[in-house]
Amino acid sequence: MGLRKFVDKIKPTFSEGGKLSFLHSTFGGFETFLYAPNIVTKRGAHIRDCNDIKRVMITVVVALIPALLFGMYNLGRLAGVEGVFDAFLYGLIEMLPMIVVSYGTGLAIEFIFAERRKHEVYEGFLVSGLLIPMVMPIGVPLWMVAVATAFAVIIGKEVFGGTGMNVFNPALLARAFAFFAYTPQMSGENTWFSSSSIHKFLGMDVAPVATSTGATPLANLADHGQLSDVATDQVVAPMLQNISVSDAFFGFIPGSIGETSTFAILIGAAILLFTGVASWRIMLTVFAGGLAMGYVFQAVGMTDYPAYYHLIVGGFAFGAVFMATDPVTSAQTNTGKWIYGLMVGALAVLIRVINPAYPEGMMLSILFMNALAPLIDYFVVERNIARRKKLIKNVK
């Protein structure tokens, strides 16, 4: 109640005619973040619902927490920090500046555009601001995170009209920009751990240089080509440091903070599906498309490792759950969602196997399908119209 009274007290200062009226949109953004808007529809048909964009975005943020927390712990573990708490603390110290820079840069730009356009501040960046650092290597410089975030918000969102109008997923656009603009800092063996001096200042005994993380499993696959003589309980041989299926599934492998643990990602998927925030059609078909394409390459002899391995390493699971299901950039029709999801999964594996220059594949696959999503919906709608016209003609 005290906070509500304080907000109501200072509100006239930011309203029209107030001393700080030029910050009306900024104040409105903070107010709606704290409380549900107290405005109602004056005319036209509308739906009464307790859910709004803010609550949907917060649900996605909550779903991201398991992958984020495990990623922080895994970062410290790979850096050689002993103890669960100390390992988590190490990861938190490394990850927190990236999150602060991402949110600070993105929200500043969003507020500036809102003030210039005289419209309210939307909550879409609540998710993008967390996704961007979660898909970046931990060794990437903070200024690079800021530049990539600025590019994603300005070029990926605001030029199209802001939240809800963007064609491409902003978080993936940020990663794609950083990947192609600063390739040495975004790939290679030295990007998956950090030796920040702040840990020495805090008295933490770490030895990140001594860790045997090296490149990610997908990078190793691209470097060494096909695998052979894969044991039942081992996905990879010595080439991939004996990473077992369980290690790959639970996330004890190097990679971006959010994408290593398929188990943690599936917990987030359960939250999104239970709350109805994400489309189960897209999520299911992405995994199905990737698995099917993996079996195709395995059947023709182009790969020797199990097809399901594609689903538990790299950013495949993270992309399927949190990126491909973006309601703004994915297909809107139910039939289109089936097609969209299958093509995202299949293209990701296709890029991984065919093009060794891009061992991940998921990023390019989703961005490509973001561009095709409106076209898919168009043909689905046109097909339905043609089918109904045919039924009417037959009835007559």
Protein backbone atom coordinates (compact mmCIF):
# COMPACT_ATOMS: atom_id res chain seq x y z
CA MET A 1 0.00 0.00 0.00
CA GLY A 2 2.83 2.39 0.83
CA LEU A 3 4.40 1.90 -2.60
CA ARG A 4 1.03 2.38 -4.31
CA LYS A 5 0.48 5.65 -2.45
CA PHE A 6 3.97 6.85 -3.37
CA VAL A 7 3.40 6.08 -7.06
CA ASP A 8 0.04 7.88 -7.03
CA LYS A 9 1.64 10.87 -5.30
CA ILE A 10 4.37 11.40 -7.90
CA LYS A 11 2.21 10.46 -10.89
CA PRO A 12 0.98 14.06 -11.59
CA THR A 13 4.60 15.14 -12.00
CA PHE A 14 4.96 12.80 -14.97
CA SER A 15 1.46 13.36 -16.37
CA GLU A 16 0.56 15.92 -19.03
CA GLY A 17 1.29 19.38 -17.70
CA GLY A 18 3.70 18.13 -15.06
CA LYS A 19 7.33 19.17 -14.73
CA LEU A 20 8.55 15.79 -15.98
CA SER A 21 5.77 15.12 -18.50
CA PHE A 22 8.40 14.32 -21.14
CA LEU A 23 9.09 11.13 -19.14
CA HIS A 24 5.43 10.08 -19.16
CA SER A 25 6.07 6.86 -21.12
CA THR A 26 9.03 5.93 -18.92
CA PHE A 27 7.00 6.43 -15.73
CA GLY A 28 4.12 4.45 -17.22
CA GLY A 29 6.46 1.59 -18.01
CA PHE A 30 7.65 1.34 -14.41
CA GLU A 31 4.11 1.72 -13.05
CA THR A 32 2.65 -1.07 -15.19
CA PHE A 33 5.60 -3.26 -14.26
CA LEU A 34 4.71 -2.85 -10.59
CA TYR A 35 0.92 -2.87 -10.91
CA ALA A 36 -1.73 -3.89 -13.40
CA PRO A 37 -2.89 -0.92 -15.53
CA ASN A 38 -5.95 0.84 -14.11
CA ILE A 39 -7.33 1.76 -17.52
CA VAL A 40 -10.28 0.07 -19.23
CA THR A 41 -11.54 -0.14 -22.79
CA LYS A 42 -14.05 2.64 -23.47
CA ARG A 43 -15.61 1.27 -26.65
CA GLY A 44 -15.62 -1.71 -28.96
CA ALA A 45 -15.53 -5.39 -28.15
CA HIS A 46 -12.88 -6.52 -25.68
CA ILE A 47 -11.99 -9.52 -23.55
CA ARG A 48 -11.66 -9.43 -19.78
CA ASP A 49 -8.60 -11.42 -18.76
CA CYS A 50 -6.14 -11.26 -15.88
CA ASN A 51 -3.28 -12.03 -18.27
CA ASP A 52 -1.50 -9.32 -20.19
CA ILE A 53 1.84 -9.01 -21.98
CA LYS A 54 3.62 -8.34 -18.68
CA ARG A 55 2.38 -11.56 -17.07
CA VAL A 56 3.13 -13.62 -20.17
CA MET A 57 6.67 -12.23 -20.29
CA ILE A 58 7.23 -12.86 -16.58
CA THR A 59 6.06 -16.46 -17.05
CA VAL A 60 8.72 -16.94 -19.73
CA VAL A 61 11.35 -15.39 -17.44
CA VAL A 62 10.35 -17.83 -14.69
CA ALA A 63 10.64 -20.71 -17.17
CA LEU A 64 14.18 -19.55 -18.01
CA ILE A 65 15.33 -19.62 -14.37
CA PRO A 66 16.18 -23.38 -14.17
CA ALA A 67 18.46 -23.19 -17.23
CA LEU A 68 19.99 -19.94 -15.99
CA LEU A 69 20.76 -21.25 -12.50
CA PHE A 70 22.25 -24.49 -13.77
CA GLY A 71 24.27 -22.61 -16.38
CA MET A 72 25.82 -20.46 -13.68
CA TYR A 73 26.76 -23.51 -11.63
CA ASN A 74 28.09 -25.35 -14.68
CA LEU A 75 30.28 -22.38 -15.59
CA GLY A 76 31.95 -22.50 -12.20
CA ARG A 77 32.27 -26.29 -12.32
CA LEU A 78 33.99 -26.17 -15.71
CA ALA A 79 36.30 -23.44 -14.39
CA GLY A 80 37.56 -25.82 -11.74
CA VAL A 81 35.70 -24.33 -8.75
CA GLU A 82 34.99 -26.92 -6.08
CA GLY A 83 31.75 -26.96 -4.15
CA VAL A 84 28.23 -26.37 -5.49
CA PHE A 85 27.77 -22.98 -3.86
CA ASP A 86 31.22 -21.67 -4.83
CA ALA A 87 30.75 -22.88 -8.40
CA PHE A 88 27.37 -21.17 -8.58
CA LEU A 89 28.81 -17.98 -7.09
CA TYR A 90 31.55 -17.99 -9.71
CA GLY A 91 28.97 -18.29 -12.49
CA LEU A 92 26.76 -15.63 -10.95
CA ILE A 93 29.64 -13.15 -10.78
CA GLU A 94 30.49 -13.82 -14.42
CA MET A 95 26.92 -13.78 -15.70
CA LEU A 96 25.44 -10.87 -13.77
CA PRO A 97 27.36 -8.11 -15.63
CA MET A 98 26.16 -9.53 -18.97
CA ILE A 99 22.55 -9.47 -17.78
CA VAL A 100 22.90 -5.91 -16.45
CA VAL A 101 24.44 -4.68 -19.71
CA SER A 102 21.79 -6.42 -21.80
CA TYR A 103 18.86 -5.03 -19.83
CA GLY A 104 20.46 -1.61 -19.40
CA THR A 105 21.17 -1.16 -23.11
CA GLY A 106 17.92 -2.61 -24.39
CA LEU A 107 15.60 -0.87 -21.93
CA ALA A 108 17.32 2.48 -22.43
CA ILE A 109 16.69 2.24 -26.18
CA GLU A 110 13.10 1.07 -25.64
CA PHE A 111 12.38 4.01 -23.31
CA ILE A 112 13.92 6.49 -25.75
CA PHE A 113 11.79 5.22 -28.64
CA ALA A 114 8.67 5.19 -26.43
CA GLU A 115 9.21 8.81 -25.45
CA ARG A 116 9.88 9.87 -29.02
CA ARG A 117 6.77 8.11 -30.32
CA LYS A 118 4.60 9.10 -27.35
CA HIS A 119 3.40 5.57 -26.66
CA GLU A 120 3.57 3.24 -23.70
CA VAL A 121 6.59 1.06 -22.94
CA TYR A 122 5.90 -2.58 -23.74
CA GLU A 123 7.25 -5.45 -21.69
CA GLY A 124 8.60 -7.51 -24.57
CA PHE A 125 12.23 -6.86 -23.65
CA LEU A 126 11.77 -8.51 -20.25
CA VAL A 127 12.40 -11.82 -22.03
CA SER A 128 14.82 -10.67 -24.72
CA GLY A 129 17.02 -8.96 -22.15
CA LEU A 130 17.58 -12.28 -20.39
CA LEU A 131 17.73 -14.43 -23.51
CA ILE A 132 20.55 -12.42 -25.09
CA PRO A 133 23.19 -13.11 -22.39
CA MET A 134 21.97 -16.70 -22.05
CA VAL A 135 22.81 -17.47 -25.70
CA MET A 136 26.17 -15.68 -25.64
CA PRO A 137 29.52 -17.31 -24.78
CA ILE A 138 30.66 -16.31 -21.30
CA GLY A 139 33.98 -15.00 -22.65
CA VAL A 140 32.40 -12.35 -24.87
CA PRO A 141 33.32 -8.74 -23.89
CA LEU A 142 30.57 -6.67 -22.28
CA TRP A 143 30.80 -3.93 -24.87
CA MET A 144 30.04 -6.54 -27.51
CA VAL A 145 26.92 -7.58 -25.62
CA ALA A 146 25.84 -3.94 -25.58
CA VAL A 147 26.44 -3.45 -29.31
CA ALA A 148 24.64 -6.68 -30.22
CA THR A 149 21.71 -5.77 -27.97
CA ALA A 150 21.46 -2.30 -29.47
CA PHE A 151 21.48 -3.77 -32.98
CA ALA A 152 18.74 -6.26 -32.09
CA VAL A 153 16.47 -3.66 -30.49
CA ILE A 154 16.92 -0.92 -33.09
CA ILE A 155 17.21 -2.93 -36.31
CA GLY A 156 15.30 -6.01 -35.20
CA LYS A 157 12.38 -4.34 -33.40
CA GLU A 158 12.02 -0.58 -33.51
CA VAL A 159 12.41 -0.15 -37.27
CA PHE A 160 9.46 -2.52 -37.67
CA GLY A 161 7.31 -0.62 -35.17
CA GLY A 162 8.34 -2.09 -31.81
CA THR A 163 7.10 -5.05 -29.77
CA GLY A 164 4.73 -7.31 -31.68
CA MET A 165 5.78 -6.00 -35.09
CA ASN A 166 9.26 -7.52 -35.40
CA VAL A 167 9.93 -10.17 -38.02
CA PHE A 168 12.95 -11.81 -36.41
CA ASN A 169 13.54 -13.01 -32.86
CA PRO A 170 15.52 -10.17 -31.22
CA ALA A 171 17.69 -12.41 -29.03
CA LEU A 172 18.76 -14.57 -31.97
CA LEU A 173 19.32 -11.48 -34.07
CA ALA A 174 21.68 -10.17 -31.39
CA ARG A 175 23.60 -13.45 -31.38
CA ALA A 176 23.72 -13.59 -35.18
CA PHE A 177 25.06 -10.04 -35.34
CA ALA A 178 27.75 -10.80 -32.76
CA PHE A 179 28.62 -14.10 -34.44
CA PHE A 180 29.18 -12.64 -37.89
CA ALA A 181 30.65 -9.31 -36.76
CA TYR A 182 32.97 -10.66 -34.05
CA THR A 183 33.53 -14.29 -34.98
CA PRO A 184 36.82 -14.80 -33.06
CA GLN A 185 35.16 -13.76 -29.80
CA MET A 186 32.05 -15.85 -30.44
CA SER A 187 33.63 -19.19 -31.30
CA GLY A 188 36.66 -21.28 -30.45
CA GLU A 189 37.96 -23.00 -27.35
CA ASN A 190 38.59 -19.90 -25.24
CA THR A 191 35.04 -18.50 -25.28
CA TRP A 192 33.42 -20.96 -22.89
CA PHE A 193 35.17 -20.00 -19.67
CA SER A 194 36.43 -16.81 -18.10
CA SER A 195 39.28 -15.93 -15.77
CA SER A 196 37.98 -12.62 -14.48
CA SER A 197 40.24 -10.93 -11.93
CA ILE A 198 37.25 -10.22 -9.71
CA HIS A 199 37.40 -13.79 -8.43
CA LYS A 200 40.95 -13.26 -7.20
CA PHE A 201 39.76 -10.08 -5.51
CA LEU A 202 37.05 -12.07 -3.75
CA GLY A 203 39.57 -14.71 -2.69
CA MET A 204 38.08 -17.49 -4.83
CA ASP A 205 40.57 -20.20 -5.75
CA VAL A 206 39.83 -20.97 -9.39
CA ALA A 207 41.90 -22.34 -12.22
CA PRO A 208 39.89 -21.86 -15.43
CA VAL A 209 42.93 -22.33 -17.64
CA ALA A 210 43.40 -25.84 -16.29
CA THR A 211 39.87 -26.91 -17.20
CA SER A 212 39.47 -29.37 -20.04
CA THR A 213 36.31 -27.84 -21.46
CA GLY A 214 37.72 -26.78 -24.80
CA ALA A 215 35.26 -26.38 -27.65
CA THR A 216 31.66 -27.48 -27.48
CA PRO A 217 30.71 -30.99 -28.65
CA LEU A 218 29.20 -29.58 -31.83
CA ALA A 219 32.38 -27.67 -32.63
CA ASN A 220 34.38 -30.85 -32.18
CA LEU A 221 32.04 -32.71 -34.49
CA ALA A 222 32.52 -30.05 -37.13
CA ASP A 223 36.30 -30.14 -36.72
CA HIS A 224 36.71 -33.90 -36.75
CA GLY A 225 33.94 -34.99 -39.06
CA GLN A 226 32.08 -38.26 -38.65
CA LEU A 227 32.27 -40.41 -35.57
CA SER A 228 32.58 -44.17 -35.50
CA ASP A 229 32.64 -46.98 -32.95
CA VAL A 230 30.28 -45.13 -30.61
CA ALA A 231 29.60 -47.26 -27.53
CA THR A 232 26.10 -47.72 -26.16
CA ASP A 233 26.74 -45.64 -23.06
CA GLN A 234 28.95 -43.08 -24.76
CA VAL A 235 27.79 -40.55 -27.30
CA VAL A 236 31.30 -39.58 -28.20
CA ALA A 237 34.69 -41.23 -28.05
CA PRO A 238 37.93 -39.63 -26.79
CA MET A 239 37.51 -36.98 -29.43
CA LEU A 240 34.77 -35.37 -27.35
CA GLN A 241 36.35 -36.00 -23.98
CA ASN A 242 34.12 -39.01 -23.27
CA ILE A 243 30.94 -37.01 -22.88
CA SER A 244 28.21 -39.46 -21.93
CA VAL A 245 24.55 -39.22 -22.81
CA SER A 246 23.73 -38.25 -19.24
CA ASP A 247 26.39 -35.51 -19.22
CA ALA A 248 24.99 -34.09 -22.44
CA PHE A 249 21.37 -34.33 -21.22
CA PHE A 250 21.93 -32.86 -17.77
CA GLY A 251 24.34 -30.22 -19.09
CA PHE A 252 27.81 -31.05 -17.81
CA ILE A 253 29.34 -29.81 -21.06
CA PRO A 254 30.71 -26.46 -22.28
CA GLY A 255 28.44 -24.06 -24.08
CA SER A 256 26.42 -20.89 -23.70
CA ILE A 257 24.90 -20.44 -20.25
CA GLY A 258 21.32 -21.24 -21.18
CA GLU A 259 21.75 -24.05 -23.65
CA THR A 260 23.84 -26.73 -21.90
CA SER A 261 21.24 -28.51 -19.75
CA THR A 262 18.43 -30.13 -21.74
CA PHE A 263 16.94 -31.29 -18.44
CA ALA A 264 16.67 -27.74 -17.09
CA ILE A 265 15.30 -26.55 -20.42
CA LEU A 266 12.57 -29.21 -20.31
CA ILE A 267 11.57 -27.97 -16.86
CA GLY A 268 11.08 -24.57 -18.44
CA ALA A 269 9.15 -26.19 -21.29
CA ALA A 270 6.78 -27.80 -18.78
CA ILE A 271 6.12 -24.38 -17.21
CA LEU A 272 5.40 -22.80 -20.60
CA LEU A 273 3.09 -25.62 -21.66
CA PHE A 274 1.25 -25.79 -18.33
CA THR A 275 0.55 -22.05 -18.42
CA GLY A 276 -0.35 -22.13 -22.12
CA VAL A 277 2.24 -19.50 -22.98
CA ALA A 278 4.10 -21.54 -25.63
CA SER A 279 2.74 -23.61 -28.49
CA TRP A 280 3.07 -27.36 -27.93
CA ARG A 281 2.69 -27.88 -31.68
CA ILE A 282 5.84 -25.92 -32.49
CA MET A 283 7.78 -27.39 -29.59
CA LEU A 284 6.89 -30.97 -30.51
CA THR A 285 7.48 -30.61 -34.23
CA VAL A 286 10.87 -28.93 -33.81
CA PHE A 287 12.12 -31.97 -31.90
CA ALA A 288 10.40 -34.32 -34.36
CA GLY A 289 11.88 -32.56 -37.39
CA GLY A 290 15.39 -32.58 -35.93
CA LEU A 291 15.17 -36.24 -34.97
CA ALA A 292 13.79 -37.25 -38.37
CA MET A 293 16.54 -35.40 -40.23
CA GLY A 294 19.13 -36.92 -37.93
CA TYR A 295 17.87 -40.41 -38.76
CA VAL A 296 17.95 -39.59 -42.48
CA PHE A 297 21.62 -38.61 -42.34
CA GLN A 298 22.36 -41.63 -40.18
CA ALA A 299 20.58 -43.93 -42.66
CA VAL A 300 22.52 -42.64 -45.67
CA GLY A 301 25.82 -42.94 -43.80
CA MET A 302 26.65 -39.23 -43.57
CA THR A 303 26.88 -39.41 -39.76
CA ASP A 304 27.74 -42.26 -37.42
CA TYR A 305 26.54 -40.80 -34.14
CA PRO A 306 22.95 -41.33 -32.90
CA ALA A 307 20.29 -39.00 -34.31
CA TYR A 308 18.97 -38.11 -30.86
CA TYR A 309 22.36 -36.60 -30.00
CA HIS A 310 21.37 -33.53 -31.99
CA LEU A 311 18.55 -32.87 -29.54
CA ILE A 312 20.67 -32.81 -26.38
CA VAL A 313 23.78 -30.87 -27.41
CA GLY A 314 24.20 -27.31 -28.55
CA GLY A 315 21.30 -24.90 -28.61
CA PHE A 316 18.73 -27.24 -30.17
CA ALA A 317 16.57 -27.78 -27.08
CA PHE A 318 16.89 -24.16 -25.95
CA GLY A 319 15.92 -22.93 -29.41
CA ALA A 320 12.99 -25.33 -29.66
CA VAL A 321 11.53 -24.30 -26.30
CA PHE A 322 12.28 -20.57 -26.00
CA MET A 323 13.13 -19.26 -29.47
CA ALA A 324 11.06 -21.11 -32.06
CA THR A 325 7.90 -20.69 -29.95
CA ASP A 326 8.11 -16.89 -29.95
CA PRO A 327 4.47 -15.98 -30.70
CA VAL A 328 5.44 -12.86 -32.65
CA THR A 329 7.95 -14.33 -35.09
CA SER A 330 6.56 -17.87 -35.49
CA ALA A 331 3.61 -19.08 -37.55
CA GLN A 332 0.15 -18.07 -36.30
CA THR A 333 -2.13 -20.73 -37.79
CA ASN A 334 -2.28 -24.21 -36.26
CA THR A 335 -1.39 -25.92 -39.53
CA GLY A 336 1.36 -23.38 -40.09
CA LYS A 337 2.82 -24.18 -36.67
CA TRP A 338 3.22 -27.84 -37.62
CA ILE A 339 5.00 -26.91 -40.85
CA TYR A 340 7.08 -24.19 -39.21
CA GLY A 341 8.26 -26.43 -36.37
CA LEU A 342 9.17 -29.37 -38.61
CA MET A 343 11.20 -27.15 -40.90
CA VAL A 344 13.02 -25.44 -38.00
CA GLY A 345 14.16 -28.78 -36.58
CA ALA A 346 15.05 -30.31 -39.92
CA LEU A 347 16.98 -27.27 -41.14
CA ALA A 348 18.96 -27.05 -37.90
CA VAL A 349 20.27 -30.60 -38.30
CA LEU A 350 20.78 -30.08 -42.03
CA ILE A 351 23.01 -27.06 -41.40
CA ARG A 352 24.93 -28.90 -38.67
CA VAL A 353 25.75 -31.87 -40.88
CA ILE A 354 26.18 -30.25 -44.30
CA ASN A 355 27.93 -26.99 -43.40
CA PRO A 356 30.85 -27.43 -40.97
CA ALA A 357 31.35 -23.65 -40.83
CA TYR A 358 28.20 -23.39 -38.70
CA PRO A 359 28.24 -26.35 -36.31
CA GLU A 360 25.26 -25.02 -34.30
CA GLY A 361 22.62 -24.57 -37.00
CA MET A 362 19.69 -23.72 -34.71
CA MET A 363 20.23 -19.97 -34.83
CA LEU A 364 20.24 -19.75 -38.62
CA SER A 365 17.37 -22.22 -38.91
CA ILE A 366 15.03 -20.22 -36.67
CA LEU A 367 15.93 -16.87 -38.25
CA PHE A 368 15.34 -18.32 -41.73
CA MET A 369 11.96 -19.71 -40.70
CA ASN A 370 11.06 -16.41 -39.01
CA ALA A 371 11.26 -14.88 -42.46
CA LEU A 372 9.13 -17.66 -43.97
CA ALA A 373 6.49 -17.81 -41.22
CA PRO A 374 4.18 -15.16 -42.78
CA LEU A 375 4.39 -16.94 -46.13
CA ILE A 376 3.47 -20.26 -44.52
CA ASP A 377 0.44 -18.68 -42.84
CA TYR A 378 -0.56 -17.05 -46.11
CA PHE A 379 -0.68 -20.34 -48.00
CA VAL A 380 -2.48 -22.07 -45.13
CA VAL A 381 -5.18 -19.39 -45.08
CA GLU A 382 -5.50 -19.38 -48.87
CA ARG A 383 -5.85 -23.16 -48.88
CA ASN A 384 -8.62 -22.98 -46.29
CA ILE A 385 -10.43 -20.30 -48.30
CA ALA A 386 -10.18 -22.38 -51.49
CA ARG A 387 -11.42 -25.48 -49.65
CA ARG A 388 -14.44 -23.66 -48.25
CA LYS A 389 -15.30 -22.16 -51.63
CA LYS A 390 -15.20 -25.65 -53.08
CA LEU A 391 -17.53 -26.96 -50.36
CA ILE A 392 -20.01 -24.11 -50.99
CA LYS A 393 -19.91 -24.82 -54.72
CA ASN A 394 -20.58 -28.52 -54.16
CA VAL A 395 -23.52 -27.74 -51.85
CA LYS A 396 -25.12 -25.50 -54.48
